Structures are given as structure tokens and as C-alpha cells.
Amino acid sequence: MSDSSRPKCFGDLERVFPSESGGLRQVAAGCWDCTHRVDCLRAAASGQGRETLYEEKALRGDPEGMVGFMRRWSRRKAASRREES
């Protein structure tokens, strides 16, 4: 598939998979009918987009207490290791 046939928003995480008011991300309404949707979302969720998604997931509220703390710490540690490699 050539780059010229892709829309300008192709792979742009904030345009194709924006954060909603609750902090969760949803596929943009205009993307559902796009023929490039699957490849576009994959591109948006890779590279820098992947790190953004991992970071958001690590910061998202988990159960309180020690279990929640350990889960968040583990996610942040894993994200840090991926960033270093």
C-alpha cells in the first residue's frame, strides 16, 4: 500500500485513538468506515505511541492498597525496561 493513498491522519495516535473524558481511549468515529483502519491503528500503537499507551495504562487507577501499588510499580518498571532497550 503506498503512502500517497493513506489519509493525512494515518498513524497519528491523538487523531485516530483519542483520549475520552474518562481518560480511556476510543477509536475516532470517522475511522470506522476507513479502509486503512486496522493498519492505521497498528501504526499509531507502535513506536512512540506504544510508549504513550503503556505509560497511560501504568498510571490508570488500579485497586488501592499494596496490590494496586505493586501492579503499578511493575508496569512502570516494565515500561522503563522497554524504553532502555
N, C-alpha and C. Protein backbone atom coordinates (compact mmCIF):
# COMPACT_ATOMS: atom_id res chain seq x y z
N MET A 1 0.85 -1.17 0.00
CA MET A 1 0.00 0.00 0.00
C MET A 1 0.90 1.23 0.00
N SER A 2 0.68 2.14 -0.89
CA SER A 2 1.55 3.31 -1.00
C SER A 2 1.18 4.36 0.04
N ASP A 3 2.18 5.14 0.42
CA ASP A 3 1.96 6.19 1.40
C ASP A 3 1.04 7.28 0.87
N SER A 4 1.02 7.47 -0.44
CA SER A 4 0.20 8.54 -1.02
C SER A 4 -1.29 8.23 -0.94
N SER A 5 -1.67 6.95 -0.81
CA SER A 5 -3.08 6.61 -0.74
C SER A 5 -3.62 6.69 0.69
N ARG A 6 -2.72 6.86 1.65
CA ARG A 6 -3.14 6.95 3.05
C ARG A 6 -3.62 8.36 3.38
N PRO A 7 -4.61 8.45 4.28
CA PRO A 7 -5.06 9.78 4.71
C PRO A 7 -3.98 10.45 5.56
N LYS A 8 -4.06 11.77 5.71
CA LYS A 8 -3.06 12.52 6.47
C LYS A 8 -3.01 12.10 7.93
N CYS A 9 -4.13 11.62 8.46
CA CYS A 9 -4.19 11.25 9.88
C CYS A 9 -3.62 9.85 10.14
N PHE A 10 -3.15 9.16 9.14
CA PHE A 10 -2.67 7.78 9.27
C PHE A 10 -1.61 7.66 10.36
N GLY A 11 -1.88 6.82 11.36
CA GLY A 11 -0.91 6.53 12.41
C GLY A 11 -0.76 7.59 13.48
N ASP A 12 -1.57 8.65 13.44
CA ASP A 12 -1.50 9.72 14.44
C ASP A 12 -2.35 9.30 15.64
N LEU A 13 -1.71 8.91 16.72
CA LEU A 13 -2.39 8.36 17.89
C LEU A 13 -3.48 9.28 18.41
N GLU A 14 -3.21 10.56 18.50
CA GLU A 14 -4.18 11.50 19.07
C GLU A 14 -5.38 11.75 18.16
N ARG A 15 -5.23 11.50 16.87
CA ARG A 15 -6.37 11.71 15.95
C ARG A 15 -7.19 10.45 15.74
N VAL A 16 -6.54 9.28 15.70
CA VAL A 16 -7.27 8.05 15.40
C VAL A 16 -7.66 7.27 16.64
N PHE A 17 -7.03 7.57 17.78
CA PHE A 17 -7.32 6.85 19.02
C PHE A 17 -7.25 7.85 20.19
N PRO A 18 -8.11 8.88 20.15
CA PRO A 18 -8.03 9.96 21.14
C PRO A 18 -8.51 9.54 22.53
N SER A 19 -8.03 10.27 23.54
CA SER A 19 -8.48 10.05 24.91
C SER A 19 -9.86 10.69 25.07
N GLU A 20 -10.73 9.98 25.73
CA GLU A 20 -12.06 10.50 26.02
C GLU A 20 -12.04 11.18 27.39
N SER A 21 -13.16 11.71 27.82
CA SER A 21 -13.22 12.46 29.07
C SER A 21 -12.81 11.64 30.29
N GLY A 22 -13.07 10.34 30.28
CA GLY A 22 -12.70 9.49 31.41
C GLY A 22 -11.26 9.04 31.38
N GLY A 23 -10.49 9.45 30.38
CA GLY A 23 -9.10 9.07 30.28
C GLY A 23 -8.85 7.82 29.45
N LEU A 24 -9.91 7.12 29.07
CA LEU A 24 -9.75 5.95 28.22
C LEU A 24 -9.74 6.37 26.77
N ARG A 25 -9.11 5.57 25.95
CA ARG A 25 -9.03 5.88 24.51
C ARG A 25 -10.07 5.07 23.75
N GLN A 26 -10.62 5.69 22.70
CA GLN A 26 -11.57 5.02 21.82
C GLN A 26 -11.25 5.40 20.39
N VAL A 27 -11.54 4.48 19.49
CA VAL A 27 -11.32 4.75 18.07
C VAL A 27 -12.21 5.91 17.66
N ALA A 28 -11.65 6.86 16.93
CA ALA A 28 -12.40 8.03 16.47
C ALA A 28 -13.56 7.58 15.58
N ALA A 29 -14.67 8.26 15.68
CA ALA A 29 -15.88 7.90 14.94
C ALA A 29 -15.64 7.86 13.43
N GLY A 30 -14.85 8.78 12.91
CA GLY A 30 -14.60 8.83 11.48
C GLY A 30 -13.73 7.70 10.96
N CYS A 31 -13.11 6.96 11.86
CA CYS A 31 -12.20 5.90 11.45
C CYS A 31 -12.89 4.57 11.15
N TRP A 32 -14.08 4.39 11.65
CA TRP A 32 -14.74 3.09 11.50
C TRP A 32 -14.98 2.71 10.05
N ASP A 33 -15.23 3.66 9.19
CA ASP A 33 -15.50 3.36 7.79
C ASP A 33 -14.26 3.43 6.90
N CYS A 34 -13.12 3.76 7.47
CA CYS A 34 -11.89 3.90 6.71
C CYS A 34 -11.31 2.53 6.35
N THR A 35 -10.86 2.38 5.12
CA THR A 35 -10.28 1.11 4.68
C THR A 35 -8.89 0.87 5.26
N HIS A 36 -8.28 1.91 5.79
CA HIS A 36 -6.93 1.81 6.37
C HIS A 36 -6.96 1.63 7.88
N ARG A 37 -8.15 1.48 8.47
CA ARG A 37 -8.33 1.50 9.92
C ARG A 37 -7.38 0.57 10.67
N VAL A 38 -7.32 -0.68 10.31
CA VAL A 38 -6.53 -1.66 11.05
C VAL A 38 -5.04 -1.33 10.99
N ASP A 39 -4.53 -1.08 9.79
CA ASP A 39 -3.11 -0.74 9.64
C ASP A 39 -2.79 0.58 10.33
N CYS A 40 -3.70 1.51 10.26
CA CYS A 40 -3.52 2.82 10.87
C CYS A 40 -3.42 2.70 12.39
N LEU A 41 -4.33 1.95 12.99
CA LEU A 41 -4.30 1.78 14.45
C LEU A 41 -3.06 1.02 14.89
N ARG A 42 -2.64 0.06 14.10
CA ARG A 42 -1.40 -0.66 14.43
C ARG A 42 -0.20 0.30 14.39
N ALA A 43 -0.17 1.15 13.38
CA ALA A 43 0.92 2.12 13.27
C ALA A 43 0.88 3.12 14.43
N ALA A 44 -0.31 3.54 14.81
CA ALA A 44 -0.45 4.50 15.91
C ALA A 44 -0.03 3.89 17.24
N ALA A 45 -0.26 2.59 17.41
CA ALA A 45 0.05 1.92 18.67
C ALA A 45 1.47 1.36 18.71
N SER A 46 2.27 1.65 17.72
CA SER A 46 3.66 1.20 17.72
C SER A 46 4.57 2.41 17.91
N GLY A 47 5.84 2.17 18.10
CA GLY A 47 6.80 3.26 18.26
C GLY A 47 6.50 4.10 19.47
N GLN A 48 6.50 5.43 19.28
CA GLN A 48 6.25 6.35 20.39
C GLN A 48 4.84 6.18 20.95
N GLY A 49 3.89 5.84 20.09
CA GLY A 49 2.52 5.61 20.54
C GLY A 49 2.43 4.47 21.53
N ARG A 50 3.24 3.45 21.32
CA ARG A 50 3.26 2.30 22.23
C ARG A 50 3.68 2.74 23.62
N GLU A 51 4.73 3.55 23.69
CA GLU A 51 5.20 4.03 24.99
C GLU A 51 4.14 4.88 25.68
N THR A 52 3.46 5.71 24.91
CA THR A 52 2.40 6.54 25.47
C THR A 52 1.28 5.67 26.04
N LEU A 53 0.88 4.65 25.31
CA LEU A 53 -0.18 3.76 25.78
C LEU A 53 0.24 2.99 27.03
N TYR A 54 1.48 2.49 27.06
CA TYR A 54 1.96 1.78 28.24
C TYR A 54 2.00 2.70 29.46
N GLU A 55 2.44 3.92 29.24
CA GLU A 55 2.52 4.88 30.35
C GLU A 55 1.14 5.20 30.89
N GLU A 56 0.18 5.42 30.00
CA GLU A 56 -1.18 5.71 30.43
C GLU A 56 -1.77 4.53 31.21
N LYS A 57 -1.49 3.34 30.74
CA LYS A 57 -2.00 2.15 31.43
C LYS A 57 -1.39 2.03 32.81
N ALA A 58 -0.11 2.34 32.93
CA ALA A 58 0.58 2.25 34.22
C ALA A 58 0.03 3.27 35.21
N LEU A 59 -0.38 4.42 34.71
CA LEU A 59 -0.87 5.48 35.59
C LEU A 59 -2.36 5.36 35.89
N ARG A 60 -3.07 4.54 35.12
CA ARG A 60 -4.50 4.37 35.32
C ARG A 60 -4.77 3.78 36.69
N GLY A 61 -5.83 4.18 37.29
CA GLY A 61 -6.17 3.73 38.63
C GLY A 61 -6.39 2.22 38.73
N ASP A 62 -5.69 1.62 39.62
CA ASP A 62 -5.86 0.21 39.94
C ASP A 62 -6.43 0.13 41.35
N PRO A 63 -6.71 -1.06 41.80
CA PRO A 63 -7.19 -1.18 43.18
C PRO A 63 -6.20 -0.55 44.15
N GLU A 64 -6.73 0.02 45.20
CA GLU A 64 -5.89 0.67 46.20
C GLU A 64 -5.17 -0.37 47.04
N GLY A 65 -4.29 0.08 47.85
CA GLY A 65 -3.58 -0.81 48.75
C GLY A 65 -2.30 -1.34 48.13
N MET A 66 -1.73 -2.30 48.79
CA MET A 66 -0.42 -2.84 48.39
C MET A 66 -0.49 -3.55 47.04
N VAL A 67 -1.56 -4.26 46.77
CA VAL A 67 -1.68 -4.97 45.48
C VAL A 67 -1.69 -3.96 44.33
N GLY A 68 -2.46 -2.91 44.45
CA GLY A 68 -2.51 -1.88 43.42
C GLY A 68 -1.17 -1.20 43.24
N PHE A 69 -0.50 -0.91 44.35
CA PHE A 69 0.82 -0.30 44.30
C PHE A 69 1.80 -1.20 43.54
N MET A 70 1.81 -2.48 43.86
CA MET A 70 2.74 -3.42 43.21
C MET A 70 2.45 -3.55 41.72
N ARG A 71 1.18 -3.57 41.34
CA ARG A 71 0.83 -3.64 39.91
C ARG A 71 1.34 -2.41 39.17
N ARG A 72 1.08 -1.24 39.73
CA ARG A 72 1.53 0.00 39.08
C ARG A 72 3.05 0.04 39.00
N TRP A 73 3.73 -0.32 40.06
CA TRP A 73 5.19 -0.34 40.07
C TRP A 73 5.73 -1.29 39.01
N SER A 74 5.13 -2.47 38.93
CA SER A 74 5.57 -3.47 37.96
C SER A 74 5.40 -2.97 36.53
N ARG A 75 4.26 -2.33 36.24
CA ARG A 75 4.02 -1.80 34.90
C ARG A 75 5.03 -0.70 34.56
N ARG A 76 5.29 0.18 35.51
CA ARG A 76 6.25 1.25 35.26
C ARG A 76 7.65 0.70 35.05
N LYS A 77 8.03 -0.30 35.83
CA LYS A 77 9.35 -0.91 35.70
C LYS A 77 9.48 -1.58 34.32
N ALA A 78 8.44 -2.29 33.89
CA ALA A 78 8.46 -2.94 32.58
C ALA A 78 8.55 -1.90 31.46
N ALA A 79 7.81 -0.80 31.59
CA ALA A 79 7.85 0.25 30.58
C ALA A 79 9.24 0.88 30.53
N SER A 80 9.85 1.06 31.70
CA SER A 80 11.20 1.62 31.76
C SER A 80 12.21 0.69 31.09
N ARG A 81 12.08 -0.59 31.31
CA ARG A 81 12.99 -1.56 30.68
C ARG A 81 12.83 -1.55 29.16
N ARG A 82 11.58 -1.47 28.68
CA ARG A 82 11.33 -1.42 27.22
C ARG A 82 11.94 -0.17 26.64
N GLU A 83 11.84 0.94 27.38
CA GLU A 83 12.38 2.21 26.91
C GLU A 83 13.89 2.17 26.79
N GLU A 84 14.55 1.47 27.73
CA GLU A 84 16.00 1.37 27.73
C GLU A 84 16.53 0.51 26.59
N SER A 85 15.74 -0.48 26.15
CA SER A 85 16.22 -1.39 25.10
C SER A 85 16.09 -0.80 23.73
